Amino acid sequence: SEVKKLIEKYVGLELSHELIKVKRILESEENQTYNWEVFKIRFREVHPDFFKKLQSEYPNLTKTEKKFCAYLRLHLSSSQIAQVLNISKEGIRKNRYRIRKKMKLNSTSNLEDHISNF
C-alpha cells in the first residue's frame, strides 16, 4: 500500500512513527467494517426484516444509528455497544437521544422495547 511505501521511505524519522499510527488506524477501520458486514449477515439470519422495517418506518436514521438499533435489538448493554462501536458513554447517551428524537418517543417510552418490535 501507499502508506507502507511511505513508512519504508521515512524509516527512522519522526514522520514514520506518525505514518505507522495512520496505518494502524486504517487497518482498525477495515476490521470494523468487515466485522460489521459479518455481523449484519448473521443478524439478518435471525431478524430478516429488521433493517427493512426500521428503514421503512424511520428513513432518517443514519447508518450508525441503525447499527446502534441492531445492537439494542440483541439486548447488548450500553457498555458493550460502546466497545463495539468504539465510542464513549457520552456517545452512547447522545446516540440514544438522537434515535429517540427521530422515533418521536416520549420520556416514558422504552427505546429497547420499541426496537424489539421490529
C-alpha atoms as a PDB file:
ATOM      1  CA  SER A   1       0.000   0.000   0.000  1.00  0.00           C
ATOM      2  CA  GLU A   2       0.997   3.643  -0.367  1.00  0.00           C
ATOM      3  CA  VAL A   3       1.221   4.122   3.406  1.00  0.00           C
ATOM      4  CA  LYS A   4       3.600   1.169   3.692  1.00  0.00           C
ATOM      5  CA  LYS A   5       5.826   2.650   0.961  1.00  0.00           C
ATOM      6  CA  LEU A   6       5.925   5.989   2.773  1.00  0.00           C
ATOM      7  CA  ILE A   7       6.810   4.286   6.049  1.00  0.00           C
ATOM      8  CA  GLU A   8       9.709   2.482   4.366  1.00  0.00           C
ATOM      9  CA  LYS A   9      10.861   5.726   2.734  1.00  0.00           C
ATOM     10  CA  TYR A  10      10.926   7.622   6.028  1.00  0.00           C
ATOM     11  CA  VAL A  11      12.189   4.864   8.356  1.00  0.00           C
ATOM     12  CA  GLY A  12      13.866   6.322  11.423  1.00  0.00           C
ATOM     13  CA  LEU A  13      12.345   9.763  11.022  1.00  0.00           C
ATOM     14  CA  GLU A  14       9.590  11.118  13.229  1.00  0.00           C
ATOM     15  CA  LEU A  15       7.259  11.086  10.241  1.00  0.00           C
ATOM     16  CA  SER A  16       7.490   7.287  10.018  1.00  0.00           C
ATOM     17  CA  HIS A  17       6.029   6.963  13.529  1.00  0.00           C
ATOM     18  CA  GLU A  18       3.071   9.127  12.525  1.00  0.00           C
ATOM     19  CA  LEU A  19       2.574   7.091   9.361  1.00  0.00           C
ATOM     20  CA  ILE A  20       2.627   3.861  11.377  1.00  0.00           C
ATOM     21  CA  LYS A  21      -0.156   5.287  13.577  1.00  0.00           C
ATOM     22  CA  VAL A  22      -2.177   6.167  10.472  1.00  0.00           C
ATOM     23  CA  LYS A  23      -1.664   2.658   9.079  1.00  0.00           C
ATOM     24  CA  ARG A  24      -2.926   1.085  12.339  1.00  0.00           C
ATOM     25  CA  ILE A  25      -5.998   3.319  12.337  1.00  0.00           C
ATOM     26  CA  LEU A  26      -6.787   2.376   8.734  1.00  0.00           C
ATOM     27  CA  GLU A  27      -6.362  -1.331   9.486  1.00  0.00           C
ATOM     28  CA  SER A  28      -8.617  -0.996  12.526  1.00  0.00           C
ATOM     29  CA  GLU A  29     -11.302   0.717  10.441  1.00  0.00           C
ATOM     30  CA  GLU A  30     -11.070  -2.018   7.824  1.00  0.00           C
ATOM     31  CA  ASN A  31     -11.526  -4.656  10.534  1.00  0.00           C
ATOM     32  CA  GLN A  32     -14.519  -2.803  11.969  1.00  0.00           C
ATOM     33  CA  THR A  33     -16.126  -2.612   8.533  1.00  0.00           C
ATOM     34  CA  TYR A  34     -15.506  -6.325   7.935  1.00  0.00           C
ATOM     35  CA  ASN A  35     -16.824  -7.232  11.411  1.00  0.00           C
ATOM     36  CA  TRP A  36     -19.971  -5.176  10.796  1.00  0.00           C
ATOM     37  CA  GLU A  37     -20.592  -6.883   7.453  1.00  0.00           C
ATOM     38  CA  VAL A  38     -20.227 -10.335   9.045  1.00  0.00           C
ATOM     39  CA  PHE A  39     -22.462  -9.266  11.942  1.00  0.00           C
ATOM     40  CA  LYS A  40     -25.097  -7.937   9.532  1.00  0.00           C
ATOM     41  CA  ILE A  41     -25.232 -11.238   7.651  1.00  0.00           C
ATOM     42  CA  ARG A  42     -25.672 -13.232  10.873  1.00  0.00           C
ATOM     43  CA  PHE A  43     -28.144 -10.705  12.289  1.00  0.00           C
ATOM     44  CA  ARG A  44     -30.313 -10.916   9.148  1.00  0.00           C
ATOM     45  CA  GLU A  45     -30.465 -14.693   9.504  1.00  0.00           C
ATOM     46  CA  VAL A  46     -32.152 -14.250  12.884  1.00  0.00           C
ATOM     47  CA  HIS A  47     -34.053 -10.991  12.198  1.00  0.00           C
ATOM     48  CA  PRO A  48     -34.582 -10.998   8.422  1.00  0.00           C
ATOM     49  CA  ASP A  49     -36.830  -7.930   8.140  1.00  0.00           C
ATOM     50  CA  PHE A  50     -35.359  -5.773  10.906  1.00  0.00           C
ATOM     51  CA  PHE A  51     -33.438  -3.294   8.748  1.00  0.00           C
ATOM     52  CA  LYS A  52     -36.171  -3.160   6.111  1.00  0.00           C
ATOM     53  CA  LYS A  53     -38.857  -2.347   8.700  1.00  0.00           C
ATOM     54  CA  LEU A  54     -36.604   0.106  10.518  1.00  0.00           C
ATOM     55  CA  GLN A  55     -35.788   1.890   7.244  1.00  0.00           C
ATOM     56  CA  SER A  56     -39.433   1.938   6.235  1.00  0.00           C
ATOM     57  CA  GLU A  57     -40.631   3.478   9.481  1.00  0.00           C
ATOM     58  CA  TYR A  58     -37.610   5.702  10.183  1.00  0.00           C
ATOM     59  CA  PRO A  59     -35.876   6.559   6.897  1.00  0.00           C
ATOM     60  CA  ASN A  60     -33.974   9.438   8.501  1.00  0.00           C
ATOM     61  CA  LEU A  61     -31.844   7.177  10.735  1.00  0.00           C
ATOM     62  CA  THR A  62     -28.150   7.233   9.886  1.00  0.00           C
ATOM     63  CA  LYS A  63     -26.098   4.113   9.226  1.00  0.00           C
ATOM     64  CA  THR A  64     -24.564   4.362  12.712  1.00  0.00           C
ATOM     65  CA  GLU A  65     -27.987   4.784  14.319  1.00  0.00           C
ATOM     66  CA  LYS A  66     -29.216   1.665  12.507  1.00  0.00           C
ATOM     67  CA  LYS A  67     -26.195  -0.248  13.798  1.00  0.00           C
ATOM     68  CA  PHE A  68     -26.968   1.036  17.270  1.00  0.00           C
ATOM     69  CA  CYS A  69     -30.573  -0.147  16.947  1.00  0.00           C
ATOM     70  CA  ALA A  70     -29.414  -3.596  15.827  1.00  0.00           C
ATOM     71  CA  TYR A  71     -27.223  -3.901  18.910  1.00  0.00           C
ATOM     72  CA  LEU A  72     -30.124  -2.778  21.099  1.00  0.00           C
ATOM     73  CA  ARG A  73     -32.313  -5.390  19.400  1.00  0.00           C
ATOM     74  CA  LEU A  74     -29.846  -8.011  20.637  1.00  0.00           C
ATOM     75  CA  HIS A  75     -30.131  -6.542  24.140  1.00  0.00           C
ATOM     76  CA  LEU A  76     -26.481  -5.519  24.310  1.00  0.00           C
ATOM     77  CA  SER A  77     -25.673  -3.271  27.250  1.00  0.00           C
ATOM     78  CA  SER A  78     -24.530   0.322  26.786  1.00  0.00           C
ATOM     79  CA  SER A  79     -21.003  -0.738  27.754  1.00  0.00           C
ATOM     80  CA  GLN A  80     -20.983  -3.492  25.146  1.00  0.00           C
ATOM     81  CA  ILE A  81     -22.295  -1.174  22.444  1.00  0.00           C
ATOM     82  CA  ALA A  82     -19.720   1.465  23.368  1.00  0.00           C
ATOM     83  CA  GLN A  83     -16.978  -1.116  22.995  1.00  0.00           C
ATOM     84  CA  VAL A  84     -18.251  -2.460  19.658  1.00  0.00           C
ATOM     85  CA  LEU A  85     -18.791   0.996  18.146  1.00  0.00           C
ATOM     86  CA  ASN A  86     -15.647   2.368  19.786  1.00  0.00           C
ATOM     87  CA  ILE A  87     -17.477   5.319  21.341  1.00  0.00           C
ATOM     88  CA  SER A  88     -17.675   6.800  24.823  1.00  0.00           C
ATOM     89  CA  LYS A  89     -20.512   6.511  27.338  1.00  0.00           C
ATOM     90  CA  GLU A  90     -21.383  10.091  26.392  1.00  0.00           C
ATOM     91  CA  GLY A  91     -21.551   8.980  22.750  1.00  0.00           C
ATOM     92  CA  ILE A  92     -23.983   6.249  23.775  1.00  0.00           C
ATOM     93  CA  ARG A  93     -26.155   8.789  25.580  1.00  0.00           C
ATOM     94  CA  LYS A  94     -26.169  11.110  22.546  1.00  0.00           C
ATOM     95  CA  ASN A  95     -26.997   8.260  20.149  1.00  0.00           C
ATOM     96  CA  ARG A  96     -29.908   7.179  22.331  1.00  0.00           C
ATOM     97  CA  TYR A  97     -31.167  10.758  22.486  1.00  0.00           C
ATOM     98  CA  ARG A  98     -30.977  11.266  18.713  1.00  0.00           C
ATOM     99  CA  ILE A  99     -32.672   7.946  17.975  1.00  0.00           C
ATOM    100  CA  ARG A 100     -35.457   8.601  20.492  1.00  0.00           C
ATOM    101  CA  LYS A 101     -35.976  12.048  18.967  1.00  0.00           C
ATOM    102  CA  LYS A 102     -36.141  10.685  15.395  1.00  0.00           C
ATOM    103  CA  MET A 103     -38.563   7.980  16.557  1.00  0.00           C
ATOM    104  CA  LYS A 104     -40.632  10.605  18.394  1.00  0.00           C
ATOM    105  CA  LEU A 105     -40.597   8.561  21.613  1.00  0.00           C
ATOM    106  CA  ASN A 106     -41.712  10.263  24.794  1.00  0.00           C
ATOM    107  CA  SER A 107     -39.703  10.102  28.012  1.00  0.00           C
ATOM    108  CA  THR A 108     -41.779   7.211  29.387  1.00  0.00           C
ATOM    109  CA  SER A 109     -41.253   5.000  26.324  1.00  0.00           C
ATOM    110  CA  ASN A 110     -38.505   2.389  26.490  1.00  0.00           C
ATOM    111  CA  LEU A 111     -36.220   2.526  23.457  1.00  0.00           C
ATOM    112  CA  GLU A 112     -35.248  -1.148  23.720  1.00  0.00           C
ATOM    113  CA  ASP A 113     -38.882  -2.243  23.916  1.00  0.00           C
ATOM    114  CA  HIS A 114     -39.753  -0.107  20.911  1.00  0.00           C
ATOM    115  CA  ILE A 115     -36.895  -1.527  18.852  1.00  0.00           C
ATOM    116  CA  SER A 116     -37.753  -5.100  19.826  1.00  0.00           C
ATOM    117  CA  ASN A 117     -40.995  -4.665  17.840  1.00  0.00           C
ATOM    118  CA  PHE A 118     -39.043  -4.627  14.567  1.00  0.00           C
END
